Every structure is written in C-alpha cells, then in structure tokens.
Protein backbone atom coordinates (compact mmCIF):
# COMPACT_ATOMS: atom_id res chain seq x y z
CA MET A 1 0.00 0.00 0.00
CA GLN A 2 2.84 2.40 0.83
CA SER A 3 4.34 2.00 -2.65
CA TYR A 4 1.02 3.07 -4.23
CA VAL A 5 0.93 6.17 -2.06
CA LEU A 6 4.51 6.99 -3.03
CA LEU A 7 3.71 6.40 -6.70
CA LEU A 8 0.64 8.63 -6.49
CA ASN A 9 2.67 11.38 -4.81
CA VAL A 10 5.38 11.21 -7.49
CA VAL A 11 2.81 11.30 -10.31
CA GLN A 12 1.00 14.19 -8.63
CA PHE A 13 4.26 16.12 -8.21
CA VAL A 14 5.29 15.66 -11.85
CA LEU A 15 1.87 16.61 -13.21
CA TYR A 16 1.55 19.71 -11.03
CA ALA A 17 5.12 20.72 -11.93
CA TYR A 18 4.16 20.56 -15.61
CA GLY A 19 1.08 22.69 -14.89
CA TYR A 20 3.21 25.33 -13.22
CA LEU A 21 5.61 25.13 -16.14
CA LEU A 22 2.69 25.99 -18.43
CA ILE A 23 1.91 29.03 -16.29
CA ALA A 24 5.59 30.06 -16.26
CA THR A 25 5.58 29.83 -20.05
CA ALA A 26 2.64 32.24 -20.20
CA VAL A 27 4.35 34.74 -17.93
CA LEU A 28 7.57 34.43 -19.92
CA SER A 29 5.74 35.04 -23.19
CA TRP A 30 4.70 38.50 -22.00
CA VAL A 31 8.37 39.59 -21.99
CA PRO A 32 9.70 39.12 -25.54
CA ASP A 33 13.37 39.40 -24.51
CA LEU A 34 13.00 36.48 -22.10
CA VAL A 35 11.53 34.20 -24.75
CA GLN A 36 14.89 34.16 -26.56
CA THR A 37 16.88 33.09 -23.48
CA PRO A 38 17.89 29.44 -23.01
CA LEU A 39 15.33 29.12 -20.19
CA GLY A 40 12.61 30.56 -22.39
CA GLN A 41 13.49 28.20 -25.23
CA LEU A 42 13.45 25.24 -22.83
CA LEU A 43 10.04 26.16 -21.41
CA PHE A 44 8.52 26.62 -24.85
CA THR A 45 10.05 23.36 -26.10
CA ILE A 46 8.48 21.47 -23.20
CA SER A 47 5.07 23.17 -23.26
CA ASP A 48 4.47 23.56 -27.01
CA PRO A 49 3.55 19.93 -27.83
CA TYR A 50 0.62 20.03 -25.40
CA LEU A 51 -0.49 23.53 -26.38
CA ALA A 52 -0.25 22.67 -30.09
CA LEU A 53 -3.23 20.37 -29.60
CA PHE A 54 -5.37 23.41 -28.77
CA ARG A 55 -3.77 25.77 -31.28
CA ARG A 56 -4.73 23.37 -34.05
CA PHE A 57 -8.45 23.95 -33.32
CA LEU A 58 -8.49 27.43 -31.78
CA ARG A 59 -7.11 30.15 -33.97
CA PRO A 60 -6.10 33.52 -32.45
CA VAL A 61 -8.93 36.06 -32.18
CA ARG A 62 -8.38 39.53 -33.61
CA ILE A 63 -9.40 42.34 -31.26
CA GLY A 64 -8.65 45.57 -33.06
CA THR A 65 -4.95 45.43 -33.88
CA VAL A 66 -4.20 42.74 -31.29
CA MET A 67 -4.28 38.99 -31.90
CA LEU A 68 -5.38 37.13 -28.75
CA ASP A 69 -4.42 33.46 -28.46
CA LEU A 70 -7.13 31.81 -26.35
CA SER A 71 -5.75 28.32 -26.93
CA PHE A 72 -3.30 28.75 -24.07
CA ALA A 73 -5.94 29.73 -21.52
CA ILE A 74 -8.25 26.92 -22.58
CA GLY A 75 -5.35 24.46 -22.61
CA VAL A 76 -4.37 25.34 -19.03
CA VAL A 77 -7.97 25.15 -17.77
CA VAL A 78 -8.43 21.75 -19.44
CA TYR A 79 -5.08 20.54 -18.08
CA PHE A 80 -5.88 21.41 -14.46
CA ALA A 81 -9.47 20.11 -14.72
CA VAL A 82 -8.31 16.76 -16.10
CA LEU A 83 -5.45 16.70 -13.60
CA THR A 84 -7.75 17.25 -10.63
CA TYR A 85 -10.31 14.71 -11.81
CA GLY A 86 -7.68 12.21 -12.95
CA LEU A 87 -5.75 12.29 -9.69
CA SER A 88 -8.99 11.86 -7.75
CA VAL A 89 -9.93 8.80 -9.82
CA LEU A 90 -6.40 7.38 -9.62
CA SER A 91 -6.36 7.85 -5.86
CA SER A 92 -9.72 6.08 -5.52
CA LEU A 93 -8.53 3.18 -7.69
CA LEU A 94 -5.31 2.75 -5.73
CA ARG A 95 -7.07 2.81 -2.37
CA GLY A 96 -9.33 0.02 -3.55
C-alpha cells in the first residue's frame, strides 16, 4: 500500500510541476526578450507539444490590432481540470 501512495505522490508532483511550467511559459511570453533566453526556449520546447493540440483547433482572435491566443488559456484550464479529476480517480482506484 505504501508504494502506491509513493507512486501517487510522485505522479502528482510531476503533473503539477508541468502545470506550473505551463503558467511560467505564459508569464515568460509577456516579456519578448525572455523568450529568446535558453530558459525561455526550454520552457517553450516542453510546453508547445501540449499547447499545439489546442492551437490546431483554436485560432487567435483579432481584437482591433491585437491577436489574442485563447488556446493557451483553454489548454491550461483543461489541463488542471483533467489533472484534478484524474488524480482523484487514480487515488480512488489505488485505495481500492
């Protein structure tokens, strides 16, 4: 039983870390000079495959002269919703 709890904690840590990485990517994207740094490139390399799933279906919305990419916001909301529900189900399954 203890190994399942440890496994669940490790999975939870990794998944939440990726969620925070997504948020860090959003913050970094607001500062164009930081996007070109090695850290910025690493964050975008890690987060882009997931976000590309949403960008494929949700095109940026033009508001005046600004293009607003809603795919990121929807991607993060979906990620945390599935994460919360998925961890709850996984926890229930492991507890028996």
